Amino acid sequence: MDQIPTEIFGALVIALPLIVVAFALFWRQQKQVFFFALAALIVGLGYLMATGATTDVAKWVWPSVYGEELPPTEIGDGVDTPADTPADSGAGAQ
């Protein structure tokens, strides 16, 4: 049996708990709000799948099946900090 694609598994990991919470909160009293929450969830998952975030979630949740665990990001990666930028010499100010 083949494994579930990483995008789909990541989407399921995100969506299933949110669907259960929306169902518990809105199904009995306000079905329209439940369906609105479901539509918002679908739009949000589409965005996450388009950006590749669901693949990252799948690799984080089940690294033995979907690959290496993602390395933790360090604060300041790719962002210039005052220590990284040259100091203003004040040559432009007269």
Protein backbone atom coordinates (compact mmCIF):
# COMPACT_ATOMS: atom_id res chain seq x y z
CA MET A 1 0.00 0.00 0.00
CA ASP A 2 1.33 3.42 -0.94
CA GLN A 3 1.66 6.19 1.59
CA ILE A 4 -0.45 9.34 1.52
CA PRO A 5 1.21 12.27 -0.31
CA THR A 6 2.87 14.72 2.06
CA GLU A 7 0.63 17.63 1.05
CA ILE A 8 -2.54 15.66 1.78
CA PHE A 9 -1.25 14.28 5.09
CA GLY A 10 -0.24 17.75 6.26
CA ALA A 11 -3.64 19.14 5.27
CA LEU A 12 -5.39 16.36 7.21
CA VAL A 13 -3.26 17.03 10.28
CA ILE A 14 -4.31 20.68 10.19
CA ALA A 15 -7.94 20.25 9.10
CA LEU A 16 -9.30 17.36 11.15
CA PRO A 17 -8.90 18.94 14.61
CA LEU A 18 -10.33 22.23 13.31
CA ILE A 19 -13.35 20.49 11.79
CA VAL A 20 -14.02 18.67 15.07
CA VAL A 21 -13.84 21.94 17.03
CA ALA A 22 -16.11 23.76 14.54
CA PHE A 23 -18.57 20.87 14.64
CA ALA A 24 -18.64 20.82 18.44
CA LEU A 25 -19.15 24.57 18.66
CA PHE A 26 -21.57 25.34 15.84
CA TRP A 27 -23.42 22.27 14.53
CA ARG A 28 -26.34 22.12 16.96
CA GLN A 29 -27.15 25.81 17.12
CA GLN A 30 -25.77 27.66 14.13
CA LYS A 31 -25.28 25.47 11.08
CA GLN A 32 -24.67 28.49 8.84
CA VAL A 33 -21.69 29.50 10.97
CA PHE A 34 -20.37 25.93 10.82
CA PHE A 35 -20.52 25.94 7.02
CA PHE A 36 -18.85 29.36 6.93
CA ALA A 37 -16.06 28.05 9.19
CA LEU A 38 -15.72 25.03 6.89
CA ALA A 39 -15.43 27.30 3.84
CA ALA A 40 -12.82 29.46 5.59
CA LEU A 41 -10.90 26.30 6.48
CA ILE A 42 -10.92 25.15 2.86
CA VAL A 43 -9.63 28.53 1.65
CA GLY A 44 -6.94 28.54 4.35
CA LEU A 45 -5.83 25.01 3.49
CA GLY A 46 -5.64 25.96 -0.17
CA TYR A 47 -3.30 28.79 0.72
CA LEU A 48 -1.18 26.56 2.94
CA MET A 49 -0.96 23.90 0.23
CA ALA A 50 0.01 26.51 -2.38
CA THR A 51 2.85 27.78 -0.20
CA GLY A 52 4.07 24.28 0.71
CA ALA A 53 3.38 24.62 4.42
CA THR A 54 1.38 21.38 4.55
CA THR A 55 4.47 19.47 3.38
CA ASP A 56 6.46 21.02 6.22
CA VAL A 57 3.73 20.05 8.70
CA ALA A 58 3.75 16.44 7.45
CA LYS A 59 7.54 16.24 7.79
CA TRP A 60 7.37 17.75 11.29
CA VAL A 61 4.56 15.46 12.53
CA TRP A 62 5.87 12.18 11.11
CA PRO A 63 9.56 12.53 10.18
CA SER A 64 10.22 8.76 9.96
CA VAL A 65 7.79 8.43 7.05
CA TYR A 66 7.97 11.80 5.29
CA GLY A 67 11.66 12.59 5.55
CA GLU A 68 14.01 14.45 7.79
CA GLU A 69 12.72 16.61 10.59
CA LEU A 70 12.98 20.27 9.74
CA PRO A 71 15.91 22.00 11.43
CA PRO A 72 14.98 24.68 13.92
CA THR A 73 15.36 28.16 12.51
CA GLU A 74 17.68 30.55 14.21
CA ILE A 75 16.59 34.03 15.15
CA GLY A 76 17.92 36.52 12.66
CA ASP A 77 18.35 34.16 9.70
CA GLY A 78 18.26 36.27 6.57
CA VAL A 79 17.52 39.45 8.47
CA ASP A 80 20.07 42.22 8.79
CA THR A 81 20.70 43.20 12.36
CA PRO A 82 22.50 46.35 13.48
CA ALA A 83 25.65 44.25 14.06
CA ASP A 84 25.53 43.00 10.45
CA THR A 85 25.15 46.39 8.79
CA PRO A 86 27.95 48.90 8.50
CA ALA A 87 27.70 51.82 10.88
CA ASP A 88 26.61 55.17 9.45
CA SER A 89 29.72 57.32 9.26
CA GLY A 90 27.69 60.50 9.02
CA ALA A 91 29.38 61.53 5.76
CA GLY A 92 26.06 62.57 4.24
CA ALA A 93 25.09 64.89 7.08
CA GLN A 94 26.51 68.42 6.83
